[in-house]
Amino acid sequence: MNTVRKYLFVPVPAIFYVFTTAPGLAHADQAIIISAMFNGHVGSAAKFHNITFLSGYLFAHFLPFGELAYRCNLVSAFFGALTIVLFYFLALRLTKSVLLAVFSSVFLMISHSMWWHSTIAEVYAVNGLFCVAILYCLVLFHETNRNRWLYLAALLAGLSIFNHVQMGMWLPALGVVLLMRRRSKDGSWGRLVVKTASWFLVGLLPYLAVFIKDAMSS
């Protein structure tokens, strides 16, 4: 596989999303999200999307150009582009074809939901990045049989809840992966479960810290 040809697609998602990013407010909910980004709000309730808000705080205060709404919209463009690039390399690994990887990535990139949430101040581009990253880790775990990839998937799954509590969907998914590995009778499967759960809890620590703070303050 030609190395140069393999990387030609990498800048495409960033160019596409940046050039189609909304210049201002696209819908009313954005005002709430932009306010949370500007003030760096964090919390444990379902309405808080902490990684998105903290990233938005950096974009809002340190980007030297554009109106506030546009700077916050670029947060989604940034994470959306990373999502598509990572999906491209995942597709490339699975198909071994640059052409198929590019086509599948372009279809995801221009899909209405992915494009919409990558060009306005929203929380789902970060969720998308976590989803693709976790899937990539699970594919590597399946192909290499190296536990470190499962542990990384568990770490990312725990951390993803800091951005959106609905990302807890990955907990039963990891459970299914572990159940499919229940073959050995020498205790290694039990150790695998404990270590996977431990890495999940490590990733969950930022959310737990905010949850405890909110519980104590209430």
N, C-alpha and C. Protein backbone atom coordinates (compact mmCIF):
# COMPACT_ATOMS: atom_id res chain seq x y z
N MET A 1 0.84 -1.20 0.00
CA MET A 1 0.00 0.00 0.00
C MET A 1 0.88 1.25 0.00
N ASN A 2 0.65 2.14 -0.96
CA ASN A 2 1.45 3.35 -1.08
C ASN A 2 1.23 4.24 0.14
N THR A 3 2.34 4.57 0.84
CA THR A 3 2.24 5.33 2.09
C THR A 3 1.66 6.72 1.87
N VAL A 4 2.14 7.41 0.81
CA VAL A 4 1.66 8.76 0.53
C VAL A 4 0.16 8.74 0.22
N ARG A 5 -0.25 7.80 -0.61
CA ARG A 5 -1.67 7.69 -0.99
C ARG A 5 -2.55 7.42 0.22
N LYS A 6 -2.01 6.67 1.18
CA LYS A 6 -2.77 6.31 2.38
C LYS A 6 -3.13 7.53 3.21
N TYR A 7 -2.27 8.56 3.18
CA TYR A 7 -2.48 9.73 4.05
C TYR A 7 -3.11 10.92 3.33
N LEU A 8 -3.40 10.80 2.05
CA LEU A 8 -3.96 11.92 1.30
C LEU A 8 -5.32 12.35 1.84
N PHE A 9 -6.09 11.41 2.38
CA PHE A 9 -7.44 11.74 2.85
C PHE A 9 -7.43 12.46 4.19
N VAL A 10 -6.36 12.37 4.94
CA VAL A 10 -6.33 12.85 6.33
C VAL A 10 -6.79 14.31 6.49
N PRO A 11 -6.35 15.27 5.67
CA PRO A 11 -6.79 16.66 5.88
C PRO A 11 -8.20 16.96 5.37
N VAL A 12 -8.80 16.05 4.62
CA VAL A 12 -10.09 16.32 3.98
C VAL A 12 -11.20 16.63 4.99
N PRO A 13 -11.38 15.82 6.05
CA PRO A 13 -12.48 16.12 7.00
C PRO A 13 -12.34 17.49 7.65
N ALA A 14 -11.13 17.87 8.03
CA ALA A 14 -10.94 19.17 8.67
C ALA A 14 -11.30 20.30 7.70
N ILE A 15 -10.85 20.18 6.47
CA ILE A 15 -11.16 21.21 5.47
C ILE A 15 -12.67 21.29 5.24
N PHE A 16 -13.30 20.13 5.10
CA PHE A 16 -14.74 20.10 4.82
C PHE A 16 -15.54 20.71 5.97
N TYR A 17 -15.26 20.30 7.19
CA TYR A 17 -16.04 20.78 8.33
C TYR A 17 -15.75 22.24 8.65
N VAL A 18 -14.52 22.66 8.56
CA VAL A 18 -14.20 24.07 8.85
C VAL A 18 -14.88 24.99 7.85
N PHE A 19 -14.84 24.62 6.58
CA PHE A 19 -15.42 25.48 5.55
C PHE A 19 -16.94 25.46 5.55
N THR A 20 -17.56 24.47 6.19
CA THR A 20 -19.02 24.43 6.25
C THR A 20 -19.54 24.69 7.66
N THR A 21 -18.66 25.10 8.57
CA THR A 21 -19.08 25.40 9.94
C THR A 21 -20.00 26.62 9.94
N ALA A 22 -21.06 26.56 10.74
CA ALA A 22 -21.99 27.68 10.86
C ALA A 22 -21.26 28.91 11.39
N PRO A 23 -21.48 30.09 10.78
CA PRO A 23 -20.79 31.31 11.24
C PRO A 23 -21.33 31.87 12.54
N GLY A 24 -22.52 31.40 12.96
CA GLY A 24 -23.13 31.91 14.19
C GLY A 24 -24.06 30.88 14.77
N LEU A 25 -25.15 31.34 15.40
CA LEU A 25 -26.12 30.43 15.99
C LEU A 25 -26.95 29.75 14.90
N ALA A 26 -27.08 28.42 15.01
CA ALA A 26 -27.88 27.68 14.05
C ALA A 26 -29.21 27.24 14.65
N HIS A 27 -29.28 27.12 15.96
CA HIS A 27 -30.56 26.84 16.63
C HIS A 27 -30.45 27.30 18.08
N ALA A 28 -31.59 27.37 18.75
CA ALA A 28 -31.65 28.01 20.07
C ALA A 28 -30.82 27.32 21.13
N ASP A 29 -30.77 25.98 21.08
CA ASP A 29 -30.02 25.24 22.10
C ASP A 29 -28.55 25.62 22.14
N GLN A 30 -28.05 26.08 21.02
CA GLN A 30 -26.64 26.47 20.96
C GLN A 30 -26.30 27.55 21.96
N ALA A 31 -27.24 28.44 22.23
CA ALA A 31 -26.97 29.53 23.17
C ALA A 31 -26.63 28.98 24.55
N ILE A 32 -27.34 27.92 24.96
CA ILE A 32 -27.08 27.29 26.25
C ILE A 32 -25.70 26.65 26.25
N ILE A 33 -25.39 25.94 25.17
CA ILE A 33 -24.10 25.25 25.07
C ILE A 33 -22.95 26.25 25.02
N ILE A 34 -23.10 27.32 24.26
CA ILE A 34 -22.05 28.33 24.15
C ILE A 34 -21.83 29.01 25.48
N SER A 35 -22.91 29.28 26.21
CA SER A 35 -22.77 29.87 27.54
C SER A 35 -21.99 28.94 28.46
N ALA A 36 -22.30 27.64 28.41
CA ALA A 36 -21.59 26.67 29.24
C ALA A 36 -20.12 26.57 28.83
N MET A 37 -19.85 26.65 27.54
CA MET A 37 -18.47 26.63 27.06
C MET A 37 -17.71 27.86 27.53
N PHE A 38 -18.32 29.02 27.37
CA PHE A 38 -17.65 30.27 27.72
C PHE A 38 -17.30 30.32 29.20
N ASN A 39 -18.19 29.77 30.03
CA ASN A 39 -17.98 29.81 31.48
C ASN A 39 -17.29 28.55 32.02
N GLY A 40 -17.04 27.57 31.17
CA GLY A 40 -16.36 26.36 31.60
C GLY A 40 -17.14 25.56 32.62
N HIS A 41 -18.45 25.45 32.43
CA HIS A 41 -19.29 24.74 33.39
C HIS A 41 -18.99 23.23 33.37
N VAL A 42 -18.96 22.64 34.56
CA VAL A 42 -18.86 21.19 34.68
C VAL A 42 -19.89 20.72 35.70
N GLY A 43 -20.37 19.50 35.54
CA GLY A 43 -21.36 18.96 36.46
C GLY A 43 -21.63 17.50 36.14
N SER A 44 -22.40 16.85 36.99
CA SER A 44 -22.67 15.43 36.82
C SER A 44 -24.05 15.15 36.25
N ALA A 45 -24.90 16.16 36.14
CA ALA A 45 -26.24 15.95 35.60
C ALA A 45 -26.17 15.68 34.10
N ALA A 46 -27.26 15.14 33.56
CA ALA A 46 -27.28 14.75 32.14
C ALA A 46 -27.08 15.94 31.21
N LYS A 47 -27.40 17.15 31.69
CA LYS A 47 -27.27 18.33 30.82
C LYS A 47 -25.83 18.81 30.69
N PHE A 48 -24.92 18.26 31.50
CA PHE A 48 -23.52 18.68 31.44
C PHE A 48 -22.73 17.74 30.54
N HIS A 49 -21.97 18.34 29.64
CA HIS A 49 -21.14 17.59 28.70
C HIS A 49 -19.72 18.14 28.86
N ASN A 50 -19.04 17.64 29.87
CA ASN A 50 -17.88 18.33 30.42
C ASN A 50 -16.69 18.45 29.47
N ILE A 51 -16.39 17.39 28.73
CA ILE A 51 -15.26 17.47 27.82
C ILE A 51 -15.54 18.48 26.72
N THR A 52 -16.77 18.48 26.21
CA THR A 52 -17.15 19.47 25.20
C THR A 52 -17.08 20.88 25.77
N PHE A 53 -17.62 21.07 26.96
CA PHE A 53 -17.64 22.41 27.56
C PHE A 53 -16.24 22.92 27.87
N LEU A 54 -15.37 22.05 28.40
CA LEU A 54 -14.01 22.48 28.72
C LEU A 54 -13.20 22.76 27.46
N SER A 55 -13.41 21.94 26.42
CA SER A 55 -12.75 22.21 25.14
C SER A 55 -13.26 23.54 24.57
N GLY A 56 -14.57 23.76 24.69
CA GLY A 56 -15.15 25.01 24.22
C GLY A 56 -14.60 26.21 24.96
N TYR A 57 -14.31 26.04 26.24
CA TYR A 57 -13.71 27.14 27.02
C TYR A 57 -12.37 27.55 26.41
N LEU A 58 -11.56 26.56 26.02
CA LEU A 58 -10.27 26.86 25.41
C LEU A 58 -10.45 27.57 24.06
N PHE A 59 -11.36 27.06 23.24
CA PHE A 59 -11.61 27.66 21.93
C PHE A 59 -12.16 29.08 22.10
N ALA A 60 -13.09 29.24 23.04
CA ALA A 60 -13.74 30.54 23.22
C ALA A 60 -12.78 31.61 23.69
N HIS A 61 -11.82 31.23 24.52
CA HIS A 61 -10.96 32.23 25.16
C HIS A 61 -9.59 32.39 24.49
N PHE A 62 -9.18 31.40 23.70
CA PHE A 62 -7.81 31.46 23.18
C PHE A 62 -7.70 31.51 21.66
N LEU A 63 -8.78 31.20 20.92
CA LEU A 63 -8.71 31.39 19.47
C LEU A 63 -8.72 32.88 19.17
N PRO A 64 -7.79 33.35 18.36
CA PRO A 64 -7.66 34.80 18.15
C PRO A 64 -8.52 35.35 17.02
N PHE A 65 -9.53 34.64 16.58
CA PHE A 65 -10.32 35.12 15.45
C PHE A 65 -11.76 34.65 15.61
N GLY A 66 -12.67 35.33 14.89
CA GLY A 66 -14.06 34.92 14.83
C GLY A 66 -14.90 35.35 16.01
N GLU A 67 -16.23 35.40 15.78
CA GLU A 67 -17.16 35.69 16.85
C GLU A 67 -17.22 34.50 17.82
N LEU A 68 -17.76 34.75 19.01
CA LEU A 68 -17.81 33.71 20.04
C LEU A 68 -18.53 32.45 19.53
N ALA A 69 -19.68 32.62 18.89
CA ALA A 69 -20.44 31.46 18.41
C ALA A 69 -19.63 30.65 17.41
N TYR A 70 -18.94 31.33 16.52
CA TYR A 70 -18.13 30.63 15.52
C TYR A 70 -16.98 29.87 16.18
N ARG A 71 -16.33 30.47 17.15
CA ARG A 71 -15.23 29.79 17.84
C ARG A 71 -15.73 28.53 18.54
N CYS A 72 -16.91 28.61 19.13
CA CYS A 72 -17.48 27.45 19.79
C CYS A 72 -17.94 26.39 18.78
N ASN A 73 -18.43 26.83 17.64
CA ASN A 73 -18.80 25.88 16.59
C ASN A 73 -17.59 25.08 16.11
N LEU A 74 -16.42 25.71 16.14
CA LEU A 74 -15.21 25.04 15.67
C LEU A 74 -14.80 23.89 16.58
N VAL A 75 -15.28 23.87 17.80
CA VAL A 75 -15.01 22.73 18.68
C VAL A 75 -15.55 21.46 18.03
N SER A 76 -16.78 21.53 17.54
CA SER A 76 -17.39 20.37 16.90
C SER A 76 -16.67 20.02 15.60
N ALA A 77 -16.24 21.03 14.84
CA ALA A 77 -15.49 20.77 13.61
C ALA A 77 -14.19 20.03 13.92
N PHE A 78 -13.54 20.42 14.99
CA PHE A 78 -12.28 19.80 15.39
C PHE A 78 -12.49 18.33 15.75
N PHE A 79 -13.45 18.07 16.63
CA PHE A 79 -13.68 16.70 17.06
C PHE A 79 -14.32 15.86 15.96
N GLY A 80 -15.16 16.49 15.13
CA GLY A 80 -15.75 15.76 14.02
C GLY A 80 -14.69 15.31 13.02
N ALA A 81 -13.74 16.19 12.74
CA ALA A 81 -12.66 15.83 11.82
C ALA A 81 -11.81 14.69 12.38
N LEU A 82 -11.50 14.75 13.68
CA LEU A 82 -10.74 13.66 14.30
C LEU A 82 -11.51 12.34 14.22
N THR A 83 -12.83 12.41 14.41
CA THR A 83 -13.66 11.21 14.34
C THR A 83 -13.57 10.56 12.97
N ILE A 84 -13.69 11.37 11.92
CA ILE A 84 -13.67 10.82 10.56
C ILE A 84 -12.29 10.26 10.21
N VAL A 85 -11.24 10.96 10.62
CA VAL A 85 -9.88 10.47 10.34
C VAL A 85 -9.64 9.13 11.02
N LEU A 86 -10.05 9.02 12.30
CA LEU A 86 -9.86 7.76 13.01
C LEU A 86 -10.72 6.65 12.40
N PHE A 87 -11.93 7.01 11.98
CA PHE A 87 -12.80 6.02 11.31
C PHE A 87 -12.16 5.57 10.00
N TYR A 88 -11.51 6.49 9.30
CA TYR A 88 -10.83 6.15 8.05
C TYR A 88 -9.75 5.10 8.28
N PHE A 89 -8.94 5.31 9.32
CA PHE A 89 -7.87 4.35 9.59
C PHE A 89 -8.42 3.01 10.09
N LEU A 90 -9.55 3.06 10.79
CA LEU A 90 -10.20 1.81 11.19
C LEU A 90 -10.71 1.06 9.95
N ALA A 91 -11.37 1.78 9.05
CA ALA A 91 -11.87 1.17 7.81
C ALA A 91 -10.70 0.64 6.96
N LEU A 92 -9.61 1.39 6.95
CA LEU A 92 -8.44 0.97 6.19
C LEU A 92 -7.87 -0.33 6.76
N ARG A 93 -7.86 -0.43 8.08
CA ARG A 93 -7.35 -1.65 8.71
C ARG A 93 -8.24 -2.85 8.40
N LEU A 94 -9.54 -2.62 8.39
CA LEU A 94 -10.48 -3.73 8.17
C LEU A 94 -10.57 -4.15 6.71
N THR A 95 -10.48 -3.19 5.80
CA THR A 95 -10.68 -3.50 4.38
C THR A 95 -9.38 -3.68 3.61
N LYS A 96 -8.28 -3.11 4.14
CA LYS A 96 -6.98 -3.13 3.44
C LYS A 96 -7.05 -2.43 2.08
N SER A 97 -8.05 -1.55 1.93
CA SER A 97 -8.24 -0.85 0.66
C SER A 97 -8.42 0.64 0.92
N VAL A 98 -7.54 1.45 0.34
CA VAL A 98 -7.65 2.90 0.48
C VAL A 98 -8.96 3.40 -0.11
N LEU A 99 -9.33 2.85 -1.27
CA LEU A 99 -10.54 3.30 -1.94
C LEU A 99 -11.78 3.03 -1.09
N LEU A 100 -11.90 1.82 -0.54
CA LEU A 100 -13.05 1.49 0.29
C LEU A 100 -13.06 2.32 1.58
N ALA A 101 -11.90 2.53 2.14
CA ALA A 101 -11.81 3.32 3.37
C ALA A 101 -12.22 4.76 3.12
N VAL A 102 -11.79 5.32 2.00
CA VAL A 102 -12.16 6.69 1.66
C VAL A 102 -13.65 6.80 1.42
N PHE A 103 -14.22 5.89 0.64
CA PHE A 103 -15.65 5.94 0.34
C PHE A 103 -16.49 5.83 1.62
N SER A 104 -16.16 4.87 2.47
CA SER A 104 -16.95 4.70 3.70
C SER A 104 -16.80 5.91 4.61
N SER A 105 -15.60 6.49 4.67
CA SER A 105 -15.38 7.66 5.51
C SER A 105 -16.10 8.89 4.98
N VAL A 106 -16.11 9.05 3.66
CA VAL A 106 -16.82 10.18 3.05
C VAL A 106 -18.31 10.07 3.31
N PHE A 107 -18.86 8.87 3.18
CA PHE A 107 -20.29 8.69 3.44
C PHE A 107 -20.64 9.05 4.87
N LEU A 108 -19.78 8.68 5.83
CA LEU A 108 -20.01 9.07 7.22
C LEU A 108 -19.84 10.58 7.39
N MET A 109 -18.83 11.13 6.77
CA MET A 109 -18.51 12.55 6.91
C MET A 109 -19.65 13.45 6.42
N ILE A 110 -20.29 13.08 5.32
CA ILE A 110 -21.34 13.93 4.75
C ILE A 110 -22.74 13.50 5.18
N SER A 111 -22.83 12.44 5.99
CA SER A 111 -24.15 12.06 6.50
C SER A 111 -24.74 13.22 7.29
N HIS A 112 -26.05 13.38 7.23
CA HIS A 112 -26.66 14.58 7.80
C HIS A 112 -26.35 14.73 9.28
N SER A 113 -26.50 13.66 10.05
CA SER A 113 -26.29 13.76 11.49
C SER A 113 -24.84 14.12 11.82
N MET A 114 -23.89 13.43 11.18
CA MET A 114 -22.48 13.68 11.47
C MET A 114 -22.08 15.09 11.03
N TRP A 115 -22.51 15.48 9.84
CA TRP A 115 -22.16 16.82 9.36
C TRP A 115 -22.78 17.90 10.24
N TRP A 116 -24.07 17.75 10.56
CA TRP A 116 -24.77 18.76 11.35
C TRP A 116 -24.11 18.95 12.72
N HIS A 117 -23.79 17.85 13.36
CA HIS A 117 -23.21 17.94 14.71
C HIS A 117 -21.72 18.23 14.70
N SER A 118 -21.13 18.35 13.52
CA SER A 118 -19.72 18.72 13.41
C SER A 118 -19.54 20.15 12.92
N THR A 119 -20.64 20.85 12.74
CA THR A 119 -20.54 22.22 12.22
C THR A 119 -21.28 23.24 13.09
N ILE A 120 -21.80 22.78 14.23
CA ILE A 120 -22.44 23.68 15.19
C ILE A 120 -21.94 23.33 16.58
N ALA A 121 -22.14 24.23 17.53
CA ALA A 121 -21.74 23.96 18.91
C ALA A 121 -22.68 22.92 19.50
N GLU A 122 -22.22 21.69 19.52
CA GLU A 122 -22.99 20.57 20.05
C GLU A 122 -22.05 19.59 20.74
N VAL A 123 -22.60 18.53 21.31
CA VAL A 123 -21.81 17.61 22.13
C VAL A 123 -21.51 16.29 21.44
N TYR A 124 -22.14 16.03 20.30
CA TYR A 124 -22.13 14.68 19.76
C TYR A 124 -20.87 14.36 18.95
N ALA A 125 -20.13 15.35 18.49
CA ALA A 125 -18.88 15.07 17.78
C ALA A 125 -17.88 14.42 18.73
N VAL A 126 -17.85 14.88 19.98
CA VAL A 126 -16.97 14.27 20.98
C VAL A 126 -17.42 12.83 21.25
N ASN A 127 -18.73 12.62 21.38
CA ASN A 127 -19.25 11.26 21.55
C ASN A 127 -18.83 10.37 20.38
N GLY A 128 -18.92 10.91 19.18
CA GLY A 128 -18.54 10.13 18.00
C GLY A 128 -17.08 9.72 18.04
N LEU A 129 -16.22 10.64 18.48
CA LEU A 129 -14.79 10.32 18.57
C LEU A 129 -14.56 9.19 19.57
N PHE A 130 -15.22 9.26 20.71
CA PHE A 130 -15.08 8.20 21.71
C PHE A 130 -15.57 6.86 21.14
N CYS A 131 -16.70 6.89 20.46
CA CYS A 131 -17.26 5.64 19.92
C CYS A 131 -16.30 4.98 18.93
N VAL A 132 -15.75 5.77 18.01
CA VAL A 132 -14.84 5.21 17.02
C VAL A 132 -13.55 4.74 17.68
N ALA A 133 -13.05 5.51 18.65
CA ALA A 133 -11.81 5.13 19.34
C ALA A 133 -11.99 3.82 20.11
N ILE A 134 -13.12 3.66 20.78
CA ILE A 134 -13.38 2.43 21.53
C ILE A 134 -13.53 1.24 20.57
N LEU A 135 -14.26 1.45 19.47
CA LEU A 135 -14.39 0.39 18.48
C LEU A 135 -13.03 -0.02 17.91
N TYR A 136 -12.19 0.97 17.66
CA TYR A 136 -10.85 0.69 17.13
C TYR A 136 -10.07 -0.18 18.12
N CYS A 137 -10.13 0.18 19.39
CA CYS A 137 -9.44 -0.60 20.42
C CYS A 137 -9.96 -2.04 20.49
N LEU A 138 -11.27 -2.20 20.37
CA LEU A 138 -11.85 -3.54 20.43
C LEU A 138 -11.47 -4.37 19.20
N VAL A 139 -11.37 -3.72 18.05
CA VAL A 139 -10.91 -4.42 16.85
C VAL A 139 -9.46 -4.88 17.04
N LEU A 140 -8.61 -3.99 17.57
CA LEU A 140 -7.22 -4.35 17.82
C LEU A 140 -7.11 -5.48 18.84
N PHE A 141 -7.97 -5.44 19.85
CA PHE A 141 -7.99 -6.51 20.85
C PHE A 141 -8.36 -7.85 20.20
N HIS A 142 -9.36 -7.80 19.33
CA HIS A 142 -9.79 -9.03 18.65
C HIS A 142 -8.70 -9.56 17.72
N GLU A 143 -8.00 -8.67 17.02
CA GLU A 143 -7.01 -9.10 16.04
C GLU A 143 -5.69 -9.54 16.67
N THR A 144 -5.28 -8.85 17.74
CA THR A 144 -3.96 -9.11 18.32
C THR A 144 -4.01 -9.98 19.57
N ASN A 145 -5.21 -10.04 20.19
CA ASN A 145 -5.38 -10.78 21.44
C ASN A 145 -4.51 -10.20 22.57
N ARG A 146 -4.20 -8.93 22.46
CA ARG A 146 -3.42 -8.25 23.51
C ARG A 146 -4.39 -7.49 24.42
N ASN A 147 -4.33 -7.81 25.69
CA ASN A 147 -5.29 -7.26 26.65
C ASN A 147 -5.20 -5.74 26.79
N ARG A 148 -4.05 -5.17 26.47
CA ARG A 148 -3.89 -3.72 26.65
C ARG A 148 -4.91 -2.94 25.84
N TRP A 149 -5.34 -3.50 24.70
CA TRP A 149 -6.32 -2.80 23.88
C TRP A 149 -7.71 -2.83 24.52
N LEU A 150 -8.02 -3.93 25.19
CA LEU A 150 -9.28 -4.00 25.93
C LEU A 150 -9.25 -3.04 27.11
N TYR A 151 -8.11 -2.95 27.78
CA TYR A 151 -7.99 -2.04 28.91
C TYR A 151 -8.12 -0.58 28.45
N LEU A 152 -7.52 -0.26 27.29
CA LEU A 152 -7.64 1.09 26.76
C LEU A 152 -9.09 1.40 26.37
N ALA A 153 -9.78 0.41 25.80
CA ALA A 153 -11.19 0.59 25.46
C ALA A 153 -12.01 0.86 26.72
N ALA A 154 -11.71 0.13 27.80
CA ALA A 154 -12.42 0.34 29.06
C ALA A 154 -12.12 1.72 29.64
N LEU A 155 -10.86 2.14 29.57
CA LEU A 155 -10.48 3.47 30.05
C LEU A 155 -11.23 4.56 29.31
N LEU A 156 -11.28 4.45 27.98
CA LEU A 156 -11.97 5.45 27.17
C LEU A 156 -13.47 5.42 27.42
N ALA A 157 -14.02 4.22 27.63
CA ALA A 157 -15.45 4.11 27.91
C ALA A 157 -15.80 4.83 29.21
N GLY A 158 -14.97 4.64 30.23
CA GLY A 158 -15.20 5.35 31.49
C GLY A 158 -15.06 6.85 31.34
N LEU A 159 -14.03 7.28 30.61
CA LEU A 159 -13.81 8.71 30.42
C LEU A 159 -14.93 9.35 29.61
N SER A 160 -15.50 8.61 28.66
CA SER A 160 -16.54 9.16 27.79
C SER A 160 -17.78 9.59 28.58
N ILE A 161 -18.01 8.96 29.73
CA ILE A 161 -19.16 9.33 30.55
C ILE A 161 -18.99 10.75 31.11
N PHE A 162 -17.76 11.20 31.22
CA PHE A 162 -17.50 12.58 31.66
C PHE A 162 -18.05 13.57 30.65
N ASN A 163 -18.19 13.13 29.40
CA ASN A 163 -18.77 14.02 28.39
C ASN A 163 -20.27 13.85 28.26
N HIS A 164 -20.77 12.62 28.43
CA HIS A 164 -22.20 12.38 28.24
C HIS A 164 -22.57 11.09 28.97
N VAL A 165 -23.52 11.16 29.89
CA VAL A 165 -23.86 9.98 30.69
C VAL A 165 -24.43 8.85 29.83
N GLN A 166 -24.98 9.16 28.67
CA GLN A 166 -25.51 8.11 27.81
C GLN A 166 -24.40 7.22 27.27
N MET A 167 -23.15 7.66 27.37
CA MET A 167 -22.04 6.82 26.92
C MET A 167 -21.83 5.63 27.85
N GLY A 168 -22.59 5.57 28.93
CA GLY A 168 -22.59 4.38 29.76
C GLY A 168 -23.03 3.14 29.00
N MET A 169 -23.54 3.33 27.77
CA MET A 169 -23.92 2.19 26.93
C MET A 169 -22.74 1.27 26.67
N TRP A 170 -21.51 1.79 26.81
CA TRP A 170 -20.34 0.97 26.55
C TRP A 170 -20.07 -0.03 27.66
N LEU A 171 -20.65 0.18 28.83
CA LEU A 171 -20.42 -0.76 29.93
C LEU A 171 -20.99 -2.16 29.60
N PRO A 172 -22.26 -2.28 29.19
CA PRO A 172 -22.74 -3.63 28.79
C PRO A 172 -22.01 -4.16 27.56
N ALA A 173 -21.58 -3.27 26.67
CA ALA A 173 -20.84 -3.72 25.49
C ALA A 173 -19.53 -4.39 25.90
N LEU A 174 -18.83 -3.78 26.86
CA LEU A 174 -17.60 -4.39 27.36
C LEU A 174 -17.90 -5.72 28.05
N GLY A 175 -19.04 -5.77 28.74
CA GLY A 175 -19.44 -7.02 29.37
C GLY A 175 -19.62 -8.14 28.37
N VAL A 176 -20.21 -7.82 27.22
CA VAL A 176 -20.40 -8.82 26.17
C VAL A 176 -19.04 -9.30 25.65
N VAL A 177 -18.12 -8.36 25.44
CA VAL A 177 -16.78 -8.73 24.96
C VAL A 177 -16.11 -9.67 25.96
N LEU A 178 -16.24 -9.36 27.24
CA LEU A 178 -15.63 -10.21 28.27
C LEU A 178 -16.28 -11.60 28.30
N LEU A 179 -17.60 -11.66 28.17
CA LEU A 179 -18.29 -12.95 28.18
C LEU A 179 -17.85 -13.82 27.00
N MET A 180 -17.58 -13.19 25.88
CA MET A 180 -17.14 -13.95 24.71
C MET A 180 -15.74 -14.52 24.90
N ARG A 181 -15.01 -14.00 25.88
CA ARG A 181 -13.66 -14.48 26.17
C ARG A 181 -13.64 -15.50 27.31
N ARG A 182 -14.78 -15.90 27.80
CA ARG A 182 -14.82 -16.80 28.95
C ARG A 182 -14.57 -18.24 28.52
N ARG A 183 -13.28 -18.57 28.40
CA ARG A 183 -12.90 -19.90 27.97
C ARG A 183 -11.99 -20.60 28.97
N SER A 184 -11.03 -19.86 29.49
CA SER A 184 -10.02 -20.47 30.35
C SER A 184 -10.59 -20.83 31.72
N LYS A 185 -9.99 -21.86 32.32
CA LYS A 185 -10.40 -22.30 33.65
C LYS A 185 -9.28 -22.12 34.69
N ASP A 186 -8.25 -21.37 34.30
CA ASP A 186 -7.11 -21.19 35.19
C ASP A 186 -7.17 -19.88 35.97
N GLY A 187 -8.30 -19.19 35.90
CA GLY A 187 -8.45 -17.94 36.63
C GLY A 187 -8.04 -16.70 35.85
N SER A 188 -7.51 -16.89 34.65
CA SER A 188 -7.06 -15.73 33.88
C SER A 188 -8.24 -14.87 33.43
N TRP A 189 -9.40 -15.51 33.18
CA TRP A 189 -10.57 -14.73 32.77
C TRP A 189 -11.02 -13.81 33.90
N GLY A 190 -10.99 -14.32 35.13
CA GLY A 190 -11.36 -13.50 36.28
C GLY A 190 -10.44 -12.30 36.42
N ARG A 191 -9.15 -12.51 36.20
CA ARG A 191 -8.19 -11.40 36.28
C ARG A 191 -8.45 -10.40 35.17
N LEU A 192 -8.81 -10.91 33.99
CA LEU A 192 -9.12 -10.01 32.87
C LEU A 192 -10.32 -9.13 33.20
N VAL A 193 -11.35 -9.71 33.82
CA VAL A 193 -12.54 -8.94 34.20
C VAL A 193 -12.18 -7.87 35.22
N VAL A 194 -11.40 -8.24 36.24
CA VAL A 194 -11.03 -7.29 37.30
C VAL A 194 -10.20 -6.15 36.73
N LYS A 195 -9.23 -6.46 35.87
CA LYS A 195 -8.37 -5.42 35.31
C LYS A 195 -9.17 -4.51 34.36
N THR A 196 -10.06 -5.11 33.58
CA THR A 196 -10.89 -4.29 32.68
C THR A 196 -11.78 -3.36 33.48
N ALA A 197 -12.41 -3.88 34.54
CA ALA A 197 -13.25 -3.04 35.40
C ALA A 197 -12.44 -1.95 36.07
N SER A 198 -11.21 -2.27 36.46
CA SER A 198 -10.35 -1.28 37.11
C SER A 198 -10.00 -0.13 36.17
N TRP A 199 -9.68 -0.46 34.93
CA TRP A 199 -9.38 0.59 33.96
C TRP A 199 -10.61 1.43 33.63
N PHE A 200 -11.78 0.78 33.60
CA PHE A 200 -13.01 1.54 33.41
C PHE A 200 -13.21 2.55 34.54
N LEU A 201 -12.96 2.12 35.76
CA LEU A 201 -13.11 3.01 36.92
C LEU A 201 -12.10 4.14 36.89
N VAL A 202 -10.88 3.86 36.41
CA VAL A 202 -9.88 4.93 36.27
C VAL A 202 -10.39 6.01 35.31
N GLY A 203 -10.95 5.57 34.17
CA GLY A 203 -11.51 6.53 33.22
C GLY A 203 -12.70 7.27 33.78
N LEU A 204 -13.44 6.62 34.68
CA LEU A 204 -14.64 7.22 35.25
C LEU A 204 -14.33 8.23 36.36
N LEU A 205 -13.09 8.27 36.83
CA LEU A 205 -12.74 9.12 37.98
C LEU A 205 -13.12 10.59 37.80
N PRO A 206 -12.88 11.22 36.64
CA PRO A 206 -13.28 12.64 36.50
C PRO A 206 -14.77 12.84 36.74
N TYR A 207 -15.60 11.94 36.18
CA TYR A 207 -17.04 12.05 36.39
C TYR A 207 -17.39 11.80 37.86
N LEU A 208 -16.77 10.81 38.47
CA LEU A 208 -17.06 10.51 39.88
C LEU A 208 -16.69 11.68 40.78
N ALA A 209 -15.58 12.34 40.46
CA ALA A 209 -15.15 13.49 41.27
C ALA A 209 -16.19 14.60 41.21
N VAL A 210 -16.70 14.89 40.00
CA VAL A 210 -17.72 15.93 39.85
C VAL A 210 -19.03 15.48 40.50
N PHE A 211 -19.37 14.20 40.37
CA PHE A 211 -20.60 13.68 40.98
C PHE A 211 -20.55 13.82 42.50
N ILE A 212 -19.43 13.48 43.10
CA ILE A 212 -19.28 13.60 44.55
C ILE A 212 -19.38 15.06 44.98
N LYS A 213 -18.72 15.94 44.20
CA LYS A 213 -18.79 17.38 44.52
C LYS A 213 -20.22 17.88 44.46
N ASP A 214 -20.96 17.49 43.42
CA ASP A 214 -22.35 17.91 43.30
C ASP A 214 -23.21 17.34 44.41
N ALA A 215 -22.97 16.07 44.78
CA ALA A 215 -23.76 15.43 45.82
C ALA A 215 -23.53 16.12 47.17
N MET A 216 -22.28 16.49 47.44
CA MET A 216 -21.95 17.14 48.72
C MET A 216 -22.52 18.55 48.77
N SER A 217 -22.49 19.25 47.65
CA SER A 217 -22.98 20.63 47.63
C SER A 217 -24.49 20.71 47.68
N SER A 218 -25.18 19.60 47.31
CA SER A 218 -26.64 19.63 47.32
C SER A 218 -27.20 19.17 48.66
